[in-house]
Amino acid sequence: MPLISVITHTDTVVSPYPASDVNIKAYPPGGGTLGLHYDTNGITVLLFLTTNQEAPLRYQVERSHPSRKEPWVEHGKVHARKGALLIMQGRRVLHDCEPTLNEQKFSVVYNYYERHDTYRHPDFDNFVYYGARPSRLEG
């Protein structure tokens, strides 16, 4: 965690939600994927456990610059390389994983928050990890 704080210049804490502080994502051959989403945590760290030629992480980031009249959306792809670490602003980067074809892909997801901003809807983990319908709309 100190390394993440140094890199992000924030007072970083590990996710206080036990089901999601650290996860392993396994994408099997033949369609393993994760749909387009933003994360609930502000800082997402991916440790790639495999090197893959397919199934890149796809991302979309809203950009703006004084030299341009209008903001734009940057699109990109990151292919997994074993041992590489990717750090992103999970709440600000819309992302997904392109489906696997023949390879399998494994990564470890570390979820971090800034100490002053750890809010997440109380039903989130039950919905995402256990398929339970949220009991209310507002947190």
N, C-alpha and C. Protein backbone atom coordinates (compact mmCIF):
# COMPACT_ATOMS: atom_id res chain seq x y z
N MET A 1 0.81 -1.19 0.00
CA MET A 1 0.00 0.00 0.00
C MET A 1 0.86 1.27 0.00
N PRO A 2 1.97 1.34 0.73
CA PRO A 2 2.78 2.56 0.65
C PRO A 2 3.21 2.88 -0.79
N LEU A 3 3.51 1.86 -1.59
CA LEU A 3 3.90 2.09 -2.97
C LEU A 3 2.75 2.75 -3.75
N ILE A 4 1.54 2.29 -3.55
CA ILE A 4 0.39 2.86 -4.25
C ILE A 4 0.19 4.31 -3.81
N SER A 5 0.36 4.59 -2.53
CA SER A 5 0.25 5.96 -2.03
C SER A 5 1.30 6.87 -2.67
N VAL A 6 2.51 6.38 -2.80
CA VAL A 6 3.58 7.17 -3.42
C VAL A 6 3.26 7.43 -4.89
N ILE A 7 2.82 6.43 -5.60
CA ILE A 7 2.53 6.58 -7.02
C ILE A 7 1.35 7.51 -7.26
N THR A 8 0.29 7.37 -6.46
CA THR A 8 -0.94 8.13 -6.69
C THR A 8 -0.99 9.46 -5.94
N HIS A 9 -0.03 9.68 -5.03
CA HIS A 9 0.00 10.89 -4.21
C HIS A 9 -1.29 11.04 -3.40
N THR A 10 -1.78 9.93 -2.87
CA THR A 10 -3.00 9.92 -2.06
C THR A 10 -2.77 9.14 -0.77
N ASP A 11 -3.64 9.35 0.19
CA ASP A 11 -3.64 8.57 1.43
C ASP A 11 -4.47 7.33 1.14
N THR A 12 -3.82 6.30 0.67
CA THR A 12 -4.49 5.11 0.15
C THR A 12 -4.70 4.06 1.23
N VAL A 13 -5.88 3.42 1.17
CA VAL A 13 -6.19 2.31 2.07
C VAL A 13 -6.70 1.14 1.24
N VAL A 14 -6.42 -0.06 1.72
CA VAL A 14 -6.97 -1.26 1.08
C VAL A 14 -8.48 -1.22 1.24
N SER A 15 -9.19 -1.74 0.28
CA SER A 15 -10.65 -1.78 0.36
C SER A 15 -11.10 -2.31 1.71
N PRO A 16 -11.99 -1.59 2.39
CA PRO A 16 -12.51 -2.07 3.67
C PRO A 16 -13.59 -3.14 3.50
N TYR A 17 -13.87 -3.53 2.27
CA TYR A 17 -14.89 -4.53 1.97
C TYR A 17 -14.21 -5.86 1.71
N PRO A 18 -14.31 -6.80 2.66
CA PRO A 18 -13.53 -8.05 2.59
C PRO A 18 -13.73 -8.87 1.32
N ALA A 19 -14.90 -8.83 0.72
CA ALA A 19 -15.12 -9.64 -0.49
C ALA A 19 -14.37 -9.10 -1.69
N SER A 20 -13.95 -7.84 -1.61
CA SER A 20 -13.35 -7.26 -2.81
C SER A 20 -11.99 -6.61 -2.60
N ASP A 21 -11.37 -6.82 -1.45
CA ASP A 21 -10.06 -6.19 -1.28
C ASP A 21 -9.04 -6.74 -2.26
N VAL A 22 -9.03 -8.06 -2.43
CA VAL A 22 -8.17 -8.73 -3.41
C VAL A 22 -8.98 -9.83 -4.06
N ASN A 23 -8.95 -9.87 -5.38
CA ASN A 23 -9.66 -10.91 -6.14
C ASN A 23 -8.75 -11.47 -7.22
N ILE A 24 -9.02 -12.69 -7.59
CA ILE A 24 -8.34 -13.27 -8.75
C ILE A 24 -9.37 -13.41 -9.85
N LYS A 25 -9.04 -12.87 -11.00
CA LYS A 25 -9.91 -12.97 -12.17
C LYS A 25 -9.35 -14.04 -13.08
N ALA A 26 -10.19 -14.99 -13.43
CA ALA A 26 -9.80 -16.08 -14.33
C ALA A 26 -10.70 -16.02 -15.55
N TYR A 27 -10.10 -15.88 -16.71
CA TYR A 27 -10.83 -15.81 -17.96
C TYR A 27 -10.51 -17.08 -18.75
N PRO A 28 -11.45 -18.01 -18.84
CA PRO A 28 -11.19 -19.27 -19.55
C PRO A 28 -11.18 -19.07 -21.07
N PRO A 29 -10.54 -19.98 -21.78
CA PRO A 29 -10.58 -19.91 -23.24
C PRO A 29 -12.02 -20.01 -23.74
N GLY A 30 -12.27 -19.40 -24.88
CA GLY A 30 -13.59 -19.53 -25.49
C GLY A 30 -14.63 -18.55 -25.00
N GLY A 31 -14.22 -17.35 -24.60
CA GLY A 31 -15.20 -16.34 -24.27
C GLY A 31 -15.12 -15.74 -22.89
N GLY A 32 -14.09 -16.04 -22.11
CA GLY A 32 -13.95 -15.41 -20.80
C GLY A 32 -13.84 -13.91 -20.95
N THR A 33 -14.67 -13.18 -20.23
CA THR A 33 -14.70 -11.73 -20.39
C THR A 33 -15.26 -11.08 -19.14
N LEU A 34 -15.21 -9.78 -19.11
CA LEU A 34 -15.83 -8.97 -18.06
C LEU A 34 -16.43 -7.77 -18.76
N GLY A 35 -17.70 -7.47 -18.50
CA GLY A 35 -18.41 -6.41 -19.20
C GLY A 35 -17.92 -5.01 -18.87
N LEU A 36 -18.33 -4.08 -19.68
CA LEU A 36 -17.95 -2.67 -19.56
C LEU A 36 -18.46 -2.11 -18.24
N HIS A 37 -17.56 -1.47 -17.47
CA HIS A 37 -17.94 -0.95 -16.16
C HIS A 37 -16.94 0.06 -15.63
N TYR A 38 -17.37 0.79 -14.63
CA TYR A 38 -16.49 1.59 -13.78
C TYR A 38 -16.38 0.81 -12.47
N ASP A 39 -15.30 0.98 -11.76
CA ASP A 39 -15.15 0.36 -10.44
C ASP A 39 -15.76 1.26 -9.38
N THR A 40 -16.11 0.67 -8.24
CA THR A 40 -16.61 1.48 -7.13
C THR A 40 -15.46 2.10 -6.35
N ASN A 41 -14.30 1.50 -6.44
CA ASN A 41 -13.12 2.02 -5.75
C ASN A 41 -12.37 3.00 -6.65
N GLY A 42 -11.68 3.92 -6.02
CA GLY A 42 -10.98 4.95 -6.78
C GLY A 42 -9.69 4.49 -7.43
N ILE A 43 -9.02 3.51 -6.82
CA ILE A 43 -7.73 3.07 -7.34
C ILE A 43 -7.76 1.56 -7.53
N THR A 44 -7.58 1.14 -8.77
CA THR A 44 -7.58 -0.28 -9.10
C THR A 44 -6.19 -0.67 -9.56
N VAL A 45 -5.68 -1.76 -9.01
CA VAL A 45 -4.36 -2.26 -9.38
C VAL A 45 -4.52 -3.68 -9.91
N LEU A 46 -4.04 -3.91 -11.12
CA LEU A 46 -4.09 -5.24 -11.73
C LEU A 46 -2.68 -5.79 -11.82
N LEU A 47 -2.50 -6.98 -11.31
CA LEU A 47 -1.24 -7.72 -11.46
C LEU A 47 -1.53 -8.84 -12.43
N PHE A 48 -0.90 -8.80 -13.59
CA PHE A 48 -1.13 -9.83 -14.60
C PHE A 48 -0.30 -11.07 -14.29
N LEU A 49 -0.96 -12.21 -14.26
CA LEU A 49 -0.29 -13.48 -13.96
C LEU A 49 0.05 -14.27 -15.21
N THR A 50 -0.47 -13.84 -16.34
CA THR A 50 -0.20 -14.51 -17.63
C THR A 50 0.16 -13.46 -18.67
N THR A 51 0.85 -13.90 -19.70
CA THR A 51 1.09 -13.07 -20.87
C THR A 51 0.10 -13.52 -21.93
N ASN A 52 -0.64 -12.56 -22.49
CA ASN A 52 -1.69 -12.89 -23.45
C ASN A 52 -1.58 -12.05 -24.71
N GLN A 53 -1.81 -12.71 -25.83
CA GLN A 53 -1.86 -12.03 -27.12
C GLN A 53 -3.29 -11.61 -27.46
N GLU A 54 -4.26 -12.14 -26.72
CA GLU A 54 -5.66 -11.81 -26.94
C GLU A 54 -6.27 -11.34 -25.62
N ALA A 55 -7.52 -10.96 -25.67
CA ALA A 55 -8.29 -10.53 -24.49
C ALA A 55 -7.66 -9.35 -23.74
N PRO A 56 -7.33 -8.26 -24.45
CA PRO A 56 -6.77 -7.11 -23.75
C PRO A 56 -7.81 -6.42 -22.88
N LEU A 57 -7.33 -5.69 -21.89
CA LEU A 57 -8.15 -4.76 -21.15
C LEU A 57 -8.42 -3.60 -22.10
N ARG A 58 -9.68 -3.26 -22.28
CA ARG A 58 -10.02 -2.11 -23.12
C ARG A 58 -10.45 -0.98 -22.19
N TYR A 59 -10.04 0.24 -22.52
CA TYR A 59 -10.41 1.36 -21.65
C TYR A 59 -10.86 2.56 -22.47
N GLN A 60 -11.65 3.40 -21.80
CA GLN A 60 -12.12 4.66 -22.35
C GLN A 60 -11.95 5.72 -21.27
N VAL A 61 -11.26 6.79 -21.62
CA VAL A 61 -11.00 7.86 -20.66
C VAL A 61 -11.43 9.19 -21.29
N GLU A 62 -12.23 9.95 -20.56
CA GLU A 62 -12.62 11.27 -21.03
C GLU A 62 -11.43 12.20 -20.87
N ARG A 63 -11.14 12.95 -21.93
CA ARG A 63 -9.99 13.86 -21.93
C ARG A 63 -10.44 15.26 -22.32
N SER A 64 -9.67 16.24 -21.91
CA SER A 64 -9.88 17.62 -22.35
C SER A 64 -8.52 18.32 -22.30
N HIS A 65 -8.40 19.39 -23.09
CA HIS A 65 -7.16 20.14 -23.13
C HIS A 65 -7.49 21.55 -23.62
N PRO A 66 -6.83 22.56 -23.06
CA PRO A 66 -7.11 23.95 -23.48
C PRO A 66 -6.92 24.20 -24.98
N SER A 67 -6.07 23.42 -25.63
CA SER A 67 -5.82 23.63 -27.06
C SER A 67 -6.94 23.07 -27.94
N ARG A 68 -7.88 22.35 -27.35
CA ARG A 68 -9.00 21.79 -28.12
C ARG A 68 -10.31 22.40 -27.63
N LYS A 69 -11.21 22.63 -28.57
CA LYS A 69 -12.50 23.22 -28.20
C LYS A 69 -13.36 22.24 -27.41
N GLU A 70 -13.39 21.01 -27.85
CA GLU A 70 -14.29 20.01 -27.26
C GLU A 70 -13.51 18.90 -26.57
N PRO A 71 -14.07 18.37 -25.47
CA PRO A 71 -13.45 17.18 -24.86
C PRO A 71 -13.60 15.98 -25.80
N TRP A 72 -12.83 14.95 -25.58
CA TRP A 72 -12.89 13.75 -26.39
C TRP A 72 -12.71 12.53 -25.49
N VAL A 73 -12.96 11.37 -26.07
CA VAL A 73 -12.78 10.11 -25.34
C VAL A 73 -11.62 9.36 -25.97
N GLU A 74 -10.63 9.06 -25.14
CA GLU A 74 -9.48 8.27 -25.58
C GLU A 74 -9.82 6.79 -25.40
N HIS A 75 -9.58 5.99 -26.41
CA HIS A 75 -9.80 4.54 -26.35
C HIS A 75 -8.44 3.86 -26.42
N GLY A 76 -8.27 2.79 -25.67
CA GLY A 76 -7.01 2.06 -25.73
C GLY A 76 -7.16 0.62 -25.29
N LYS A 77 -6.10 -0.13 -25.49
CA LYS A 77 -6.06 -1.54 -25.10
C LYS A 77 -4.73 -1.83 -24.42
N VAL A 78 -4.79 -2.69 -23.41
CA VAL A 78 -3.58 -3.13 -22.72
C VAL A 78 -3.59 -4.66 -22.69
N HIS A 79 -2.60 -5.27 -23.32
CA HIS A 79 -2.48 -6.72 -23.27
C HIS A 79 -1.73 -7.14 -22.01
N ALA A 80 -2.17 -8.22 -21.42
CA ALA A 80 -1.54 -8.73 -20.20
C ALA A 80 -0.12 -9.21 -20.49
N ARG A 81 0.79 -8.85 -19.60
CA ARG A 81 2.16 -9.35 -19.66
C ARG A 81 2.50 -9.83 -18.25
N LYS A 82 2.82 -11.10 -18.13
CA LYS A 82 3.07 -11.71 -16.82
C LYS A 82 4.01 -10.85 -15.97
N GLY A 83 3.54 -10.54 -14.75
CA GLY A 83 4.34 -9.76 -13.81
C GLY A 83 4.14 -8.25 -13.91
N ALA A 84 3.44 -7.79 -14.95
CA ALA A 84 3.20 -6.35 -15.10
C ALA A 84 2.11 -5.89 -14.13
N LEU A 85 2.24 -4.67 -13.68
CA LEU A 85 1.29 -4.06 -12.76
C LEU A 85 0.66 -2.87 -13.46
N LEU A 86 -0.66 -2.81 -13.47
CA LEU A 86 -1.39 -1.70 -14.07
C LEU A 86 -2.14 -0.99 -12.96
N ILE A 87 -1.99 0.31 -12.87
CA ILE A 87 -2.70 1.11 -11.86
C ILE A 87 -3.58 2.10 -12.61
N MET A 88 -4.88 2.12 -12.24
CA MET A 88 -5.79 3.04 -12.91
C MET A 88 -6.81 3.61 -11.93
N GLN A 89 -7.41 4.71 -12.32
CA GLN A 89 -8.46 5.33 -11.54
C GLN A 89 -9.77 4.62 -11.90
N GLY A 90 -10.09 3.61 -11.11
CA GLY A 90 -11.22 2.73 -11.43
C GLY A 90 -12.55 3.42 -11.60
N ARG A 91 -12.79 4.48 -10.87
CA ARG A 91 -14.06 5.20 -10.98
C ARG A 91 -14.12 6.11 -12.19
N ARG A 92 -12.97 6.41 -12.77
CA ARG A 92 -12.93 7.36 -13.89
C ARG A 92 -12.63 6.72 -15.22
N VAL A 93 -12.19 5.47 -15.20
CA VAL A 93 -11.82 4.78 -16.44
C VAL A 93 -12.85 3.70 -16.73
N LEU A 94 -13.63 3.90 -17.79
CA LEU A 94 -14.59 2.90 -18.21
C LEU A 94 -13.79 1.77 -18.87
N HIS A 95 -14.00 0.53 -18.44
CA HIS A 95 -13.14 -0.55 -18.94
C HIS A 95 -13.87 -1.89 -18.97
N ASP A 96 -13.30 -2.79 -19.76
CA ASP A 96 -13.79 -4.17 -19.84
C ASP A 96 -12.64 -5.05 -20.32
N CYS A 97 -12.93 -6.32 -20.49
CA CYS A 97 -11.94 -7.26 -21.01
C CYS A 97 -12.50 -7.87 -22.29
N GLU A 98 -11.75 -7.74 -23.36
CA GLU A 98 -12.16 -8.37 -24.61
C GLU A 98 -12.23 -9.88 -24.39
N PRO A 99 -13.19 -10.57 -24.97
CA PRO A 99 -13.32 -12.01 -24.72
C PRO A 99 -12.08 -12.81 -25.17
N THR A 100 -11.78 -13.84 -24.40
CA THR A 100 -10.71 -14.75 -24.79
C THR A 100 -11.17 -15.60 -25.97
N LEU A 101 -10.23 -16.09 -26.72
CA LEU A 101 -10.53 -17.02 -27.80
C LEU A 101 -9.92 -18.38 -27.48
N ASN A 102 -8.60 -18.46 -27.51
CA ASN A 102 -7.90 -19.73 -27.26
C ASN A 102 -7.07 -19.74 -25.99
N GLU A 103 -6.73 -18.56 -25.49
CA GLU A 103 -5.88 -18.47 -24.31
C GLU A 103 -6.72 -18.37 -23.05
N GLN A 104 -6.09 -18.67 -21.93
CA GLN A 104 -6.71 -18.33 -20.65
C GLN A 104 -5.91 -17.18 -20.07
N LYS A 105 -6.59 -16.37 -19.28
CA LYS A 105 -5.96 -15.16 -18.73
C LYS A 105 -6.25 -15.13 -17.23
N PHE A 106 -5.22 -14.82 -16.45
CA PHE A 106 -5.36 -14.70 -15.00
C PHE A 106 -4.76 -13.38 -14.54
N SER A 107 -5.47 -12.71 -13.65
CA SER A 107 -4.93 -11.49 -13.06
C SER A 107 -5.43 -11.36 -11.62
N VAL A 108 -4.68 -10.63 -10.83
CA VAL A 108 -5.07 -10.33 -9.46
C VAL A 108 -5.52 -8.88 -9.45
N VAL A 109 -6.67 -8.63 -8.83
CA VAL A 109 -7.22 -7.29 -8.74
C VAL A 109 -7.13 -6.83 -7.28
N TYR A 110 -6.42 -5.73 -7.08
CA TYR A 110 -6.32 -5.12 -5.75
C TYR A 110 -7.15 -3.84 -5.78
N ASN A 111 -8.08 -3.73 -4.85
CA ASN A 111 -8.96 -2.56 -4.80
C ASN A 111 -8.55 -1.64 -3.66
N TYR A 112 -8.26 -0.40 -4.00
CA TYR A 112 -7.86 0.60 -3.03
C TYR A 112 -8.81 1.79 -3.08
N TYR A 113 -8.89 2.46 -1.96
CA TYR A 113 -9.67 3.69 -1.85
C TYR A 113 -8.77 4.76 -1.24
N GLU A 114 -9.17 6.02 -1.39
CA GLU A 114 -8.54 7.06 -0.62
C GLU A 114 -9.20 7.02 0.76
N ARG A 115 -8.42 7.24 1.78
CA ARG A 115 -8.91 7.09 3.16
C ARG A 115 -10.21 7.86 3.41
N HIS A 116 -10.35 9.03 2.82
CA HIS A 116 -11.54 9.87 3.06
C HIS A 116 -12.71 9.51 2.15
N ASP A 117 -12.54 8.53 1.27
CA ASP A 117 -13.57 8.23 0.27
C ASP A 117 -13.69 6.72 0.05
N THR A 118 -14.32 6.04 0.99
CA THR A 118 -14.46 4.58 0.90
C THR A 118 -15.91 4.15 0.68
N TYR A 119 -16.78 5.07 0.29
CA TYR A 119 -18.19 4.72 0.13
C TYR A 119 -18.40 3.72 -1.01
N ARG A 120 -19.29 2.80 -0.73
CA ARG A 120 -19.81 1.89 -1.75
C ARG A 120 -21.21 1.49 -1.29
N HIS A 121 -22.11 1.34 -2.23
CA HIS A 121 -23.49 0.97 -1.88
C HIS A 121 -23.46 -0.28 -1.00
N PRO A 122 -24.22 -0.30 0.10
CA PRO A 122 -24.15 -1.43 1.05
C PRO A 122 -24.54 -2.78 0.46
N ASP A 123 -25.32 -2.80 -0.61
CA ASP A 123 -25.73 -4.07 -1.22
C ASP A 123 -24.81 -4.53 -2.34
N PHE A 124 -23.77 -3.75 -2.64
CA PHE A 124 -22.94 -4.02 -3.80
C PHE A 124 -22.33 -5.42 -3.79
N ASP A 125 -21.65 -5.79 -2.71
CA ASP A 125 -20.99 -7.10 -2.67
C ASP A 125 -21.98 -8.25 -2.78
N ASN A 126 -23.11 -8.14 -2.08
CA ASN A 126 -24.11 -9.21 -2.18
C ASN A 126 -24.64 -9.35 -3.59
N PHE A 127 -24.77 -8.24 -4.30
CA PHE A 127 -25.24 -8.28 -5.68
C PHE A 127 -24.18 -8.87 -6.61
N VAL A 128 -22.97 -8.33 -6.55
CA VAL A 128 -21.91 -8.74 -7.47
C VAL A 128 -21.39 -10.16 -7.20
N TYR A 129 -21.16 -10.48 -5.94
CA TYR A 129 -20.52 -11.75 -5.61
C TYR A 129 -21.50 -12.89 -5.33
N TYR A 130 -22.75 -12.53 -4.94
CA TYR A 130 -23.69 -13.59 -4.57
C TYR A 130 -25.00 -13.54 -5.34
N GLY A 131 -25.15 -12.56 -6.23
CA GLY A 131 -26.34 -12.47 -7.06
C GLY A 131 -27.61 -12.05 -6.35
N ALA A 132 -27.50 -11.47 -5.16
CA ALA A 132 -28.68 -11.04 -4.41
C ALA A 132 -29.15 -9.68 -4.92
N ARG A 133 -30.43 -9.58 -5.14
CA ARG A 133 -31.01 -8.32 -5.60
C ARG A 133 -30.84 -7.23 -4.54
N PRO A 134 -30.40 -6.03 -4.94
CA PRO A 134 -30.27 -4.94 -3.96
C PRO A 134 -31.61 -4.64 -3.28
N SER A 135 -31.58 -4.39 -1.97
CA SER A 135 -32.80 -4.16 -1.22
C SER A 135 -33.31 -2.74 -1.37
N ARG A 136 -32.42 -1.82 -1.75
CA ARG A 136 -32.83 -0.43 -1.91
C ARG A 136 -31.95 0.24 -2.96
N LEU A 137 -32.43 1.33 -3.49
CA LEU A 137 -31.69 2.01 -4.55
C LEU A 137 -30.65 2.97 -4.02
N GLU A 138 -30.92 3.64 -2.94
CA GLU A 138 -29.99 4.63 -2.40
C GLU A 138 -29.18 4.02 -1.26
N GLY A 139 -27.96 4.45 -1.11
CA GLY A 139 -27.10 3.94 -0.06
C GLY A 139 -27.08 4.85 1.05
